[in-house]
PDB file of N, CA and C in Angstrom:
ATOM      1  N   MET A   1      37.604  17.930  -0.174  1.00  0.00           N
ATOM      2  CA  MET A   1      36.619  17.826  -1.197  1.00  0.00           C
ATOM      3  C   MET A   1      36.901  18.814  -2.320  1.00  0.00           C
ATOM      4  N   GLY A   2      37.290  19.976  -2.042  1.00  0.00           N
ATOM      5  CA  GLY A   2      37.579  20.939  -3.084  1.00  0.00           C
ATOM      6  C   GLY A   2      39.025  20.866  -3.507  1.00  0.00           C
ATOM      7  N   GLY A   3      39.376  21.683  -4.478  1.00  0.00           N
ATOM      8  CA  GLY A   3      40.746  21.727  -4.943  1.00  0.00           C
ATOM      9  C   GLY A   3      41.430  22.981  -4.416  1.00  0.00           C
ATOM     10  N   HIS A   4      42.365  23.458  -5.175  1.00  0.00           N
ATOM     11  CA  HIS A   4      43.072  24.658  -4.762  1.00  0.00           C
ATOM     12  C   HIS A   4      42.219  25.886  -5.034  1.00  0.00           C
ATOM     13  N   LEU A   5      42.570  27.008  -4.423  1.00  0.00           N
ATOM     14  CA  LEU A   5      41.809  28.238  -4.569  1.00  0.00           C
ATOM     15  C   LEU A   5      42.135  28.894  -5.898  1.00  0.00           C
ATOM     16  N   ASP A   6      41.120  29.102  -6.704  1.00  0.00           N
ATOM     17  CA  ASP A   6      41.271  29.814  -7.964  1.00  0.00           C
ATOM     18  C   ASP A   6      40.904  31.270  -7.694  1.00  0.00           C
ATOM     19  N   PRO A   7      41.807  32.231  -7.895  1.00  0.00           N
ATOM     20  CA  PRO A   7      41.512  33.612  -7.505  1.00  0.00           C
ATOM     21  C   PRO A   7      40.387  34.248  -8.317  1.00  0.00           C
ATOM     22  N   LYS A   8      40.069  33.723  -9.509  1.00  0.00           N
ATOM     23  CA  LYS A   8      39.041  34.345 -10.326  1.00  0.00           C
ATOM     24  C   LYS A   8      37.639  33.836  -9.983  1.00  0.00           C
ATOM     25  N   SER A   9      37.478  32.526  -9.737  1.00  0.00           N
ATOM     26  CA  SER A   9      36.139  31.980  -9.543  1.00  0.00           C
ATOM     27  C   SER A   9      36.004  31.149  -8.275  1.00  0.00           C
ATOM     28  N   GLY A  10      36.901  31.275  -7.331  1.00  0.00           N
ATOM     29  CA  GLY A  10      36.740  30.551  -6.072  1.00  0.00           C
ATOM     30  C   GLY A  10      37.451  29.222  -6.100  1.00  0.00           C
ATOM     31  N   TYR A  11      36.841  28.198  -5.532  1.00  0.00           N
ATOM     32  CA  TYR A  11      37.458  26.884  -5.434  1.00  0.00           C
ATOM     33  C   TYR A  11      37.272  26.098  -6.725  1.00  0.00           C
ATOM     34  N   TYR A  12      38.279  25.380  -7.131  1.00  0.00           N
ATOM     35  CA  TYR A  12      38.211  24.523  -8.306  1.00  0.00           C
ATOM     36  C   TYR A  12      37.747  23.150  -7.849  1.00  0.00           C
ATOM     37  N   LEU A  13      36.610  22.716  -8.347  1.00  0.00           N
ATOM     38  CA  LEU A  13      36.053  21.437  -7.936  1.00  0.00           C
ATOM     39  C   LEU A  13      36.391  20.308  -8.881  1.00  0.00           C
ATOM     40  N   GLY A  14      36.969  20.600 -10.013  1.00  0.00           N
ATOM     41  CA  GLY A  14      37.288  19.552 -10.966  1.00  0.00           C
ATOM     42  C   GLY A  14      36.464  19.709 -12.224  1.00  0.00           C
ATOM     43  N   THR A  15      36.736  18.865 -13.221  1.00  0.00           N
ATOM     44  CA  THR A  15      35.978  18.921 -14.466  1.00  0.00           C
ATOM     45  C   THR A  15      34.617  18.253 -14.263  1.00  0.00           C
ATOM     46  N   TRP A  16      33.749  18.364 -15.265  1.00  0.00           N
ATOM     47  CA  TRP A  16      32.433  17.726 -15.173  1.00  0.00           C
ATOM     48  C   TRP A  16      32.599  16.225 -15.029  1.00  0.00           C
ATOM     49  N   GLY A  17      31.882  15.653 -14.110  1.00  0.00           N
ATOM     50  CA  GLY A  17      31.967  14.228 -13.857  1.00  0.00           C
ATOM     51  C   GLY A  17      32.870  13.914 -12.686  1.00  0.00           C
ATOM     52  N   GLU A  18      33.755  14.812 -12.336  1.00  0.00           N
ATOM     53  CA  GLU A  18      34.597  14.596 -11.164  1.00  0.00           C
ATOM     54  C   GLU A  18      34.043  15.367  -9.986  1.00  0.00           C
ATOM     55  N   MET A  19      33.922  16.663 -10.124  1.00  0.00           N
ATOM     56  CA  MET A  19      33.350  17.546  -9.113  1.00  0.00           C
ATOM     57  C   MET A  19      33.991  17.398  -7.739  1.00  0.00           C
ATOM     58  N   GLY A  20      35.190  16.880  -7.646  1.00  0.00           N
ATOM     59  CA  GLY A  20      35.892  16.818  -6.389  1.00  0.00           C
ATOM     60  C   GLY A  20      35.385  15.779  -5.424  1.00  0.00           C
ATOM     61  N   CYS A  21      34.435  14.948  -5.818  1.00  0.00           N
ATOM     62  CA  CYS A  21      33.867  13.937  -4.934  1.00  0.00           C
ATOM     63  C   CYS A  21      34.724  12.679  -4.985  1.00  0.00           C
ATOM     64  N   PRO A  22      34.760  11.929  -3.904  1.00  0.00           N
ATOM     65  CA  PRO A  22      35.487  10.666  -3.954  1.00  0.00           C
ATOM     66  C   PRO A  22      34.765   9.677  -4.863  1.00  0.00           C
ATOM     67  N   THR A  23      35.507   8.757  -5.426  1.00  0.00           N
ATOM     68  CA  THR A  23      34.896   7.783  -6.310  1.00  0.00           C
ATOM     69  C   THR A  23      34.013   6.840  -5.505  1.00  0.00           C
ATOM     70  N   PRO A  24      32.844   6.486  -6.028  1.00  0.00           N
ATOM     71  CA  PRO A  24      31.953   5.589  -5.280  1.00  0.00           C
ATOM     72  C   PRO A  24      32.526   4.179  -5.193  1.00  0.00           C
ATOM     73  N   GLN A  25      32.293   3.548  -4.083  1.00  0.00           N
ATOM     74  CA  GLN A  25      32.794   2.200  -3.843  1.00  0.00           C
ATOM     75  C   GLN A  25      31.628   1.248  -3.619  1.00  0.00           C
ATOM     76  N   ARG A  26      31.813   0.002  -3.967  1.00  0.00           N
ATOM     77  CA  ARG A  26      30.863  -1.082  -3.695  1.00  0.00           C
ATOM     78  C   ARG A  26      29.445  -0.762  -4.183  1.00  0.00           C
ATOM     79  N   ILE A  27      29.304  -0.451  -5.448  1.00  0.00           N
ATOM     80  CA  ILE A  27      27.981  -0.230  -6.036  1.00  0.00           C
ATOM     81  C   ILE A  27      27.495  -1.558  -6.589  1.00  0.00           C
ATOM     82  N   ALA A  28      26.325  -2.003  -6.123  1.00  0.00           N
ATOM     83  CA  ALA A  28      25.756  -3.270  -6.582  1.00  0.00           C
ATOM     84  C   ALA A  28      24.809  -2.999  -7.748  1.00  0.00           C
ATOM     85  N   THR A  29      24.950  -3.764  -8.796  1.00  0.00           N
ATOM     86  CA  THR A  29      24.090  -3.648  -9.959  1.00  0.00           C
ATOM     87  C   THR A  29      23.404  -4.985 -10.184  1.00  0.00           C
ATOM     88  N   TYR A  30      22.083  -4.957 -10.324  1.00  0.00           N
ATOM     89  CA  TYR A  30      21.315  -6.171 -10.536  1.00  0.00           C
ATOM     90  C   TYR A  30      20.595  -6.070 -11.868  1.00  0.00           C
ATOM     91  N   SER A  31      20.447  -7.175 -12.535  1.00  0.00           N
ATOM     92  CA  SER A  31      19.697  -7.195 -13.777  1.00  0.00           C
ATOM     93  C   SER A  31      18.942  -8.516 -13.868  1.00  0.00           C
ATOM     94  N   LEU A  32      17.913  -8.498 -14.705  1.00  0.00           N
ATOM     95  CA  LEU A  32      17.095  -9.678 -14.905  1.00  0.00           C
ATOM     96  C   LEU A  32      16.983  -9.916 -16.402  1.00  0.00           C
ATOM     97  N   SER A  33      17.163 -11.134 -16.797  1.00  0.00           N
ATOM     98  CA  SER A  33      17.097 -11.472 -18.203  1.00  0.00           C
ATOM     99  C   SER A  33      15.714 -11.145 -18.758  1.00  0.00           C
ATOM    100  N   SER A  34      15.662 -10.705 -20.021  1.00  0.00           N
ATOM    101  CA  SER A  34      14.389 -10.298 -20.598  1.00  0.00           C
ATOM    102  C   SER A  34      13.432 -11.469 -20.767  1.00  0.00           C
ATOM    103  N   ASN A  35      13.935 -12.704 -20.885  1.00  0.00           N
ATOM    104  CA  ASN A  35      13.013 -13.827 -21.010  1.00  0.00           C
ATOM    105  C   ASN A  35      12.554 -14.343 -19.649  1.00  0.00           C
ATOM    106  N   ARG A  36      13.029 -13.758 -18.553  1.00  0.00           N
ATOM    107  CA  ARG A  36      12.581 -14.156 -17.221  1.00  0.00           C
ATOM    108  C   ARG A  36      11.606 -13.143 -16.628  1.00  0.00           C
ATOM    109  N   GLN A  37      11.407 -12.024 -17.296  1.00  0.00           N
ATOM    110  CA  GLN A  37      10.506 -11.001 -16.788  1.00  0.00           C
ATOM    111  C   GLN A  37       9.070 -11.353 -17.131  1.00  0.00           C
ATOM    112  N   ARG A  38       8.172 -10.952 -16.267  1.00  0.00           N
ATOM    113  CA  ARG A  38       6.741 -11.166 -16.502  1.00  0.00           C
ATOM    114  C   ARG A  38       6.031  -9.821 -16.365  1.00  0.00           C
ATOM    115  N   PRO A  39       5.979  -9.024 -17.418  1.00  0.00           N
ATOM    116  CA  PRO A  39       5.424  -7.680 -17.299  1.00  0.00           C
ATOM    117  C   PRO A  39       3.919  -7.666 -17.022  1.00  0.00           C
ATOM    118  N   LEU A  40       3.196  -8.694 -17.406  1.00  0.00           N
ATOM    119  CA  LEU A  40       1.746  -8.725 -17.176  1.00  0.00           C
ATOM    120  C   LEU A  40       1.363  -9.735 -16.092  1.00  0.00           C
ATOM    121  N   ALA A  41       2.281 -10.019 -15.178  1.00  0.00           N
ATOM    122  CA  ALA A  41       1.997 -10.988 -14.123  1.00  0.00           C
ATOM    123  C   ALA A  41       0.913 -10.442 -13.204  1.00  0.00           C
ATOM    124  N   GLY A  42      -0.200 -11.144 -13.103  1.00  0.00           N
ATOM    125  CA  GLY A  42      -1.298 -10.746 -12.229  1.00  0.00           C
ATOM    126  C   GLY A  42      -2.162  -9.628 -12.764  1.00  0.00           C
ATOM    127  N   ALA A  43      -1.935  -9.172 -13.982  1.00  0.00           N
ATOM    128  CA  ALA A  43      -2.704  -8.047 -14.521  1.00  0.00           C
ATOM    129  C   ALA A  43      -4.166  -8.430 -14.738  1.00  0.00           C
ATOM    130  N   PHE A  44      -4.432  -9.613 -15.244  1.00  0.00           N
ATOM    131  CA  PHE A  44      -5.812 -10.022 -15.503  1.00  0.00           C
ATOM    132  C   PHE A  44      -6.591 -10.172 -14.201  1.00  0.00           C
ATOM    133  N   ASN A  45      -5.986 -10.804 -13.205  1.00  0.00           N
ATOM    134  CA  ASN A  45      -6.638 -10.978 -11.912  1.00  0.00           C
ATOM    135  C   ASN A  45      -6.898  -9.633 -11.244  1.00  0.00           C
ATOM    136  N   SER A  46      -5.911  -8.742 -11.282  1.00  0.00           N
ATOM    137  CA  SER A  46      -6.078  -7.425 -10.680  1.00  0.00           C
ATOM    138  C   SER A  46      -7.131  -6.617 -11.424  1.00  0.00           C
ATOM    139  N   ALA A  47      -7.187  -6.762 -12.742  1.00  0.00           N
ATOM    140  CA  ALA A  47      -8.163  -6.000 -13.525  1.00  0.00           C
ATOM    141  C   ALA A  47      -9.584  -6.405 -13.167  1.00  0.00           C
ATOM    142  N   ILE A  48      -9.812  -7.681 -12.954  1.00  0.00           N
ATOM    143  CA  ILE A  48     -11.163  -8.140 -12.613  1.00  0.00           C
ATOM    144  C   ILE A  48     -11.591  -7.565 -11.267  1.00  0.00           C
ATOM    145  N   PHE A  49     -10.749  -7.716 -10.256  1.00  0.00           N
ATOM    146  CA  PHE A  49     -11.139  -7.263  -8.928  1.00  0.00           C
ATOM    147  C   PHE A  49     -11.149  -5.748  -8.815  1.00  0.00           C
ATOM    148  N   ASN A  50     -10.243  -5.064  -9.516  1.00  0.00           N
ATOM    149  CA  ASN A  50     -10.233  -3.609  -9.484  1.00  0.00           C
ATOM    150  C   ASN A  50     -11.460  -3.044 -10.188  1.00  0.00           C
ATOM    151  N   THR A  51     -11.854  -3.643 -11.309  1.00  0.00           N
ATOM    152  CA  THR A  51     -13.049  -3.196 -12.014  1.00  0.00           C
ATOM    153  C   THR A  51     -14.292  -3.413 -11.173  1.00  0.00           C
ATOM    154  N   PHE A  52     -14.386  -4.561 -10.506  1.00  0.00           N
ATOM    155  CA  PHE A  52     -15.535  -4.824  -9.643  1.00  0.00           C
ATOM    156  C   PHE A  52     -15.584  -3.839  -8.472  1.00  0.00           C
ATOM    157  N   ARG A  53     -14.443  -3.550  -7.879  1.00  0.00           N
ATOM    158  CA  ARG A  53     -14.399  -2.611  -6.751  1.00  0.00           C
ATOM    159  C   ARG A  53     -14.809  -1.214  -7.195  1.00  0.00           C
ATOM    160  N   ARG A  54     -14.301  -0.765  -8.349  1.00  0.00           N
ATOM    161  CA  ARG A  54     -14.652   0.570  -8.828  1.00  0.00           C
ATOM    162  C   ARG A  54     -16.131   0.648  -9.202  1.00  0.00           C
ATOM    163  N   PHE A  55     -16.668  -0.404  -9.824  1.00  0.00           N
ATOM    164  CA  PHE A  55     -18.084  -0.429 -10.185  1.00  0.00           C
ATOM    165  C   PHE A  55     -18.957  -0.374  -8.931  1.00  0.00           C
ATOM    166  N   ARG A  56     -18.566  -1.147  -7.915  1.00  0.00           N
ATOM    167  CA  ARG A  56     -19.349  -1.205  -6.682  1.00  0.00           C
ATOM    168  C   ARG A  56     -19.388   0.153  -5.975  1.00  0.00           C
ATOM    169  N   HIS A  57     -18.275   0.899  -6.050  1.00  0.00           N
ATOM    170  CA  HIS A  57     -18.229   2.187  -5.366  1.00  0.00           C
ATOM    171  C   HIS A  57     -18.914   3.293  -6.162  1.00  0.00           C
ATOM    172  N   GLN A  58     -19.092   3.158  -7.467  1.00  0.00           N
ATOM    173  CA  GLN A  58     -19.648   4.220  -8.288  1.00  0.00           C
ATOM    174  C   GLN A  58     -21.078   3.975  -8.745  1.00  0.00           C
ATOM    175  N   VAL A  59     -21.602   2.768  -8.554  1.00  0.00           N
ATOM    176  CA  VAL A  59     -22.917   2.447  -9.103  1.00  0.00           C
ATOM    177  C   VAL A  59     -24.022   3.300  -8.476  1.00  0.00           C
ATOM    178  N   LEU A  60     -23.914   3.648  -7.223  1.00  0.00           N
ATOM    179  CA  LEU A  60     -24.962   4.450  -6.584  1.00  0.00           C
ATOM    180  C   LEU A  60     -24.920   5.918  -7.005  1.00  0.00           C
ATOM    181  N   TYR A  61     -23.830   6.360  -7.619  1.00  0.00           N
ATOM    182  CA  TYR A  61     -23.772   7.719  -8.140  1.00  0.00           C
ATOM    183  C   TYR A  61     -24.272   7.794  -9.577  1.00  0.00           C
ATOM    184  N   VAL A  62     -24.146   6.705 -10.320  1.00  0.00           N
ATOM    185  CA  VAL A  62     -24.462   6.729 -11.740  1.00  0.00           C
ATOM    186  C   VAL A  62     -25.846   6.154 -12.032  1.00  0.00           C
ATOM    187  N   ALA A  63     -26.225   5.081 -11.382  1.00  0.00           N
ATOM    188  CA  ALA A  63     -27.467   4.380 -11.709  1.00  0.00           C
ATOM    189  C   ALA A  63     -28.738   5.194 -11.426  1.00  0.00           C
ATOM    190  N   PRO A  64     -28.921   5.853 -10.282  1.00  0.00           N
ATOM    191  CA  PRO A  64     -30.183   6.560 -10.045  1.00  0.00           C
ATOM    192  C   PRO A  64     -30.536   7.620 -11.088  1.00  0.00           C
ATOM    193  N   PRO A  65     -29.614   8.464 -11.562  1.00  0.00           N
ATOM    194  CA  PRO A  65     -30.013   9.401 -12.621  1.00  0.00           C
ATOM    195  C   PRO A  65     -30.449   8.705 -13.911  1.00  0.00           C
ATOM    196  N   PHE A  66     -29.781   7.591 -14.262  1.00  0.00           N
ATOM    197  CA  PHE A  66     -30.185   6.862 -15.460  1.00  0.00           C
ATOM    198  C   PHE A  66     -31.553   6.208 -15.282  1.00  0.00           C
ATOM    199  N   ILE A  67     -31.811   5.684 -14.105  1.00  0.00           N
ATOM    200  CA  ILE A  67     -33.128   5.080 -13.841  1.00  0.00           C
ATOM    201  C   ILE A  67     -34.213   6.142 -13.884  1.00  0.00           C
ATOM    202  N   ALA A  68     -33.948   7.316 -13.291  1.00  0.00           N
ATOM    203  CA  ALA A  68     -34.935   8.411 -13.320  1.00  0.00           C
ATOM    204  C   ALA A  68     -35.164   8.894 -14.750  1.00  0.00           C
ATOM    205  N   ALA A  69     -34.108   9.013 -15.533  1.00  0.00           N
ATOM    206  CA  ALA A  69     -34.268   9.453 -16.922  1.00  0.00           C
ATOM    207  C   ALA A  69     -35.029   8.423 -17.733  1.00  0.00           C
ATOM    208  N   TYR A  70     -34.774   7.128 -17.518  1.00  0.00           N
ATOM    209  CA  TYR A  70     -35.506   6.088 -18.224  1.00  0.00           C
ATOM    210  C   TYR A  70     -36.989   6.109 -17.844  1.00  0.00           C
ATOM    211  N   ALA A  71     -37.257   6.286 -16.564  1.00  0.00           N
ATOM    212  CA  ALA A  71     -38.658   6.346 -16.121  1.00  0.00           C
ATOM    213  C   ALA A  71     -39.369   7.552 -16.719  1.00  0.00           C
ATOM    214  N   ALA A  72     -38.681   8.696 -16.779  1.00  0.00           N
ATOM    215  CA  ALA A  72     -39.295   9.899 -17.358  1.00  0.00           C
ATOM    216  C   ALA A  72     -39.543   9.714 -18.852  1.00  0.00           C
ATOM    217  N   MET A  73     -38.598   9.122 -19.572  1.00  0.00           N
ATOM    218  CA  MET A  73     -38.797   8.893 -21.005  1.00  0.00           C
ATOM    219  C   MET A  73     -39.900   7.875 -21.259  1.00  0.00           C
ATOM    220  N   ASN A  74     -39.958   6.843 -20.441  1.00  0.00           N
ATOM    221  CA  ASN A  74     -41.008   5.844 -20.578  1.00  0.00           C
ATOM    222  C   ASN A  74     -42.380   6.464 -20.315  1.00  0.00           C
ATOM    223  N   TRP A  75     -42.470   7.328 -19.315  1.00  0.00           N
ATOM    224  CA  TRP A  75     -43.723   8.003 -19.009  1.00  0.00           C
ATOM    225  C   TRP A  75     -44.102   8.936 -20.159  1.00  0.00           C
ATOM    226  N   ALA A  76     -43.125   9.677 -20.726  1.00  0.00           N
ATOM    227  CA  ALA A  76     -43.406  10.611 -21.819  1.00  0.00           C
ATOM    228  C   ALA A  76     -43.852   9.868 -23.081  1.00  0.00           C
ATOM    229  N   ILE A  77     -43.274   8.715 -23.351  1.00  0.00           N
ATOM    230  CA  ILE A  77     -43.683   7.950 -24.541  1.00  0.00           C
ATOM    231  C   ILE A  77     -45.095   7.415 -24.370  1.00  0.00           C
ATOM    232  N   GLU A  78     -45.450   6.993 -23.188  1.00  0.00           N
ATOM    233  CA  GLU A  78     -46.800   6.462 -22.939  1.00  0.00           C
ATOM    234  C   GLU A  78     -47.853   7.552 -23.029  1.00  0.00           C
ATOM    235  N   GLU A  79     -47.504   8.748 -22.653  1.00  0.00           N
ATOM    236  CA  GLU A  79     -48.480   9.853 -22.728  1.00  0.00           C
ATOM    237  C   GLU A  79     -48.615  10.286 -24.157  1.00  0.00           C
TER     238      GLU A  79
END
């Protein structure tokens, strides 16, 4: 993996980009044409269900303070 011994700085590994490593073999590269990609595939469907799920989980934390504040303001206006 290394080269010969350099007395000043140790082992010589090669220039940048070589570094004494063997060349890689059998690298597979895949690509997809830009007109075949669907970047927003399923985004609308996911947005509907994700929004409903988040609303359902947070409504009990947000709604009661607003209902109490509305009731207090309604009572104050009537008085």
